[in-house]
Amino acid sequence: MLTQIQLLQIKNGVMRILHVPGNYTGGNLEMAVVADYHIPHEELKALCAQIAGALKQTDEVFRNVRVNLIKWISDEQIIKEISSLPLLQMGRAFEDYEQYEIIGDNAKVQKIKSADELLRQLKLFYARSKLILIITDGNYKIVDEAKAQEYLNPFLKRKILVIKPNGELGGKL
């Protein structure tokens, strides 16, 4: 659970991104939320519900917002859906959740993901989003730093806010 101070920091980070010159100029806001499926189901639902609730209270802009939900399951499996803040707030956006865990020989194994493919897809499909929230536990790697920088430039690097389950903000993706 996030504290009120952490929620305030998230709100401030979001407003800072929206007020970057040339980013958001009004009208209907389009944003992307990346949900890292390494985070346990209940924790991810609670975290998204808190963030969605805080954003809806922040500004009138978040009353009618288009949310592109990206479910980051593995390097090979990145699911893209259209959602809304109320669905995130109620937890219905994660009804298909399945966490990959290490449980013996026949189990689905949770691998360390690479952020390279996620950044490539964000640049390809979500460059027009004015805000990108990445909710992750930080359990990923970057295989090719140069490619990652290429994907972040020129637009994505100013639109991304990384949020960890403990409420920690920022950090490079």
Protein backbone atom coordinates (compact mmCIF):
# COMPACT_ATOMS: atom_id res chain seq x y z
CA MET A 1 0.00 0.00 0.00
CA LEU A 2 1.22 3.44 -0.90
CA THR A 3 1.30 6.22 1.65
CA GLN A 4 -0.28 9.62 1.08
CA ILE A 5 3.18 11.13 0.61
CA GLN A 6 4.05 8.55 -2.06
CA LEU A 7 0.75 9.20 -3.85
CA LEU A 8 1.50 12.93 -3.75
CA GLN A 9 4.93 12.26 -5.27
CA ILE A 10 3.29 10.22 -8.04
CA LYS A 11 0.77 13.00 -8.71
CA ASN A 12 3.58 15.58 -8.84
CA GLY A 13 5.59 13.38 -11.20
CA VAL A 14 2.58 12.94 -13.48
CA MET A 15 1.84 16.68 -13.55
CA ARG A 16 5.51 17.43 -14.25
CA ILE A 17 5.41 15.09 -17.28
CA LEU A 18 2.16 16.59 -18.57
CA HIS A 19 3.57 20.11 -18.30
CA VAL A 20 6.74 19.40 -20.31
CA PRO A 21 6.68 21.95 -23.16
CA GLY A 22 5.03 20.44 -26.23
CA ASN A 23 3.62 17.40 -24.44
CA TYR A 24 -0.01 17.85 -23.35
CA THR A 25 -1.91 20.86 -24.65
CA GLY A 26 -5.46 19.98 -23.64
CA GLY A 27 -8.33 17.82 -24.81
CA ASN A 28 -8.73 14.12 -24.09
CA LEU A 29 -5.62 12.65 -22.51
CA GLU A 30 -4.16 9.42 -23.84
CA MET A 31 -1.88 7.54 -21.46
CA ALA A 32 -0.28 4.13 -21.21
CA VAL A 33 0.08 1.98 -18.10
CA VAL A 34 2.60 -0.86 -18.17
CA ALA A 35 1.83 -3.52 -15.57
CA ASP A 36 4.74 -5.83 -14.78
CA TYR A 37 3.36 -9.32 -14.16
CA HIS A 38 6.30 -10.17 -11.89
CA ILE A 39 4.40 -8.28 -9.19
CA PRO A 40 1.95 -10.55 -7.30
CA HIS A 41 -1.67 -10.26 -8.45
CA GLU A 42 -3.24 -8.70 -5.35
CA GLU A 43 -0.36 -6.27 -4.92
CA LEU A 44 -0.59 -5.17 -8.58
CA LYS A 45 -4.37 -4.70 -8.34
CA ALA A 46 -4.07 -2.66 -5.13
CA LEU A 47 -1.23 -0.54 -6.51
CA CYS A 48 -3.10 0.27 -9.74
CA ALA A 49 -6.29 1.01 -7.82
CA GLN A 50 -4.49 3.48 -5.57
CA ILE A 51 -2.73 5.20 -8.47
CA ALA A 52 -5.92 5.41 -10.56
CA GLY A 53 -7.86 6.84 -7.61
CA ALA A 54 -5.15 9.40 -6.90
CA LEU A 55 -5.03 10.49 -10.53
CA LYS A 56 -8.80 10.89 -10.75
CA GLN A 57 -8.67 13.21 -7.72
CA THR A 58 -5.72 15.18 -9.11
CA ASP A 59 -7.16 16.98 -12.08
CA GLU A 60 -10.27 17.18 -14.26
CA VAL A 61 -8.13 15.82 -17.14
CA PHE A 62 -8.23 12.33 -15.57
CA ARG A 63 -12.03 12.13 -15.52
CA ASN A 64 -12.12 11.14 -19.20
CA VAL A 65 -8.83 9.53 -20.14
CA ARG A 66 -7.98 6.80 -22.63
CA VAL A 67 -5.79 4.19 -20.93
CA ASN A 68 -3.67 1.85 -23.02
CA LEU A 69 -2.93 -1.06 -20.68
CA ILE A 70 0.22 -3.03 -21.47
CA LYS A 71 0.58 -6.31 -19.61
CA TRP A 72 4.31 -7.04 -19.50
CA ILE A 73 4.40 -10.78 -18.90
CA SER A 74 7.65 -11.79 -20.63
CA ASP A 75 9.86 -10.76 -23.53
CA GLU A 76 7.69 -12.83 -25.85
CA GLN A 77 4.35 -11.93 -24.29
CA ILE A 78 3.37 -8.28 -24.07
CA ILE A 79 -0.41 -7.91 -24.19
CA LYS A 80 -1.92 -4.57 -25.24
CA GLU A 81 -5.50 -3.58 -24.33
CA ILE A 82 -7.65 -0.49 -24.14
CA SER A 83 -8.86 0.11 -20.60
CA SER A 84 -10.00 2.92 -18.33
CA LEU A 85 -9.11 4.33 -14.93
CA PRO A 86 -12.31 2.93 -13.34
CA LEU A 87 -11.42 -0.59 -14.55
CA LEU A 88 -7.94 -0.19 -13.07
CA GLN A 89 -9.43 1.15 -9.87
CA MET A 90 -11.81 -1.81 -9.53
CA GLY A 91 -9.13 -4.37 -10.46
CA ARG A 92 -11.11 -5.76 -13.37
CA ALA A 93 -8.29 -5.04 -15.81
CA PHE A 94 -6.28 -7.93 -14.35
CA GLU A 95 -8.85 -10.73 -14.42
CA ASP A 96 -6.65 -12.74 -16.80
CA TYR A 97 -3.61 -12.47 -14.51
CA GLU A 98 -1.29 -15.45 -14.30
CA GLN A 99 2.06 -15.10 -12.55
CA TYR A 100 4.93 -17.28 -13.64
CA GLU A 101 6.67 -18.93 -10.71
CA ILE A 102 9.39 -21.49 -10.22
CA ILE A 103 7.74 -24.60 -8.75
CA GLY A 104 9.63 -27.79 -9.56
CA ASP A 105 10.41 -29.33 -12.96
CA ASN A 106 7.12 -28.89 -14.85
CA ALA A 107 6.44 -25.33 -13.77
CA LYS A 108 6.25 -22.19 -15.78
CA VAL A 109 9.53 -20.48 -15.04
CA GLN A 110 9.74 -16.80 -14.29
CA LYS A 111 12.63 -15.38 -16.28
CA ILE A 112 14.36 -12.04 -15.94
CA LYS A 113 12.82 -9.90 -18.66
CA SER A 114 14.64 -7.46 -20.86
CA ALA A 115 13.29 -3.92 -21.12
CA ASP A 116 14.57 -3.59 -24.70
CA GLU A 117 11.49 -5.20 -26.30
CA LEU A 118 9.12 -3.25 -24.06
CA LEU A 119 10.76 0.05 -25.02
CA ARG A 120 10.68 -0.90 -28.70
CA GLN A 121 6.96 -1.60 -28.54
CA LEU A 122 6.28 1.55 -26.52
CA LYS A 123 8.02 3.64 -29.17
CA LEU A 124 6.26 1.81 -32.00
CA PHE A 125 2.70 1.81 -30.62
CA TYR A 126 2.48 4.38 -27.80
CA ALA A 127 4.68 7.32 -28.80
CA ARG A 128 1.56 9.49 -29.02
CA SER A 129 0.62 8.79 -25.39
CA LYS A 130 1.28 11.88 -23.28
CA LEU A 131 2.03 9.90 -20.13
CA ILE A 132 3.48 6.40 -19.65
CA LEU A 133 3.38 4.85 -16.18
CA ILE A 134 5.53 1.75 -15.77
CA ILE A 135 4.62 -0.22 -12.65
CA THR A 136 7.44 -2.68 -12.09
CA ASP A 137 9.35 -4.43 -9.34
CA GLY A 138 12.60 -3.60 -11.13
CA ASN A 139 13.29 -7.24 -11.96
CA TYR A 140 14.43 -6.69 -15.56
CA LYS A 141 17.62 -6.12 -17.49
CA ILE A 142 18.67 -4.03 -20.47
CA VAL A 143 20.53 -6.13 -23.02
CA ASP A 144 21.58 -3.38 -25.44
CA GLU A 145 21.98 0.03 -23.79
CA ALA A 146 22.44 1.82 -27.14
CA LYS A 147 19.22 0.36 -28.56
CA ALA A 148 17.34 1.23 -25.37
CA GLN A 149 18.50 4.86 -25.66
CA GLU A 150 17.46 4.87 -29.32
CA TYR A 151 13.97 3.72 -28.35
CA LEU A 152 13.71 6.36 -25.61
CA ASN A 153 14.77 9.24 -27.86
CA PRO A 154 13.38 11.68 -28.77
CA PHE A 155 9.95 11.42 -27.09
CA LEU A 156 9.60 8.55 -24.64
CA LYS A 157 12.26 9.58 -22.14
CA ARG A 158 10.23 12.66 -21.10
CA LYS A 159 6.92 10.79 -20.81
CA ILE A 160 7.86 7.81 -18.62
CA LEU A 161 7.34 7.58 -14.86
CA VAL A 162 8.59 4.35 -13.26
CA ILE A 163 6.70 3.32 -10.10
CA LYS A 164 7.82 0.46 -7.85
CA PRO A 165 5.51 -1.43 -5.44
CA ASN A 166 7.22 0.16 -2.44
CA GLY A 167 6.27 3.59 -3.79
CA GLU A 168 9.74 4.44 -5.00
CA LEU A 169 9.66 6.65 -8.09
CA GLY A 170 11.96 7.23 -10.96
CA GLY A 171 15.05 5.40 -11.82
CA LYS A 172 15.98 4.74 -15.39
CA LEU A 173 14.24 2.03 -17.29
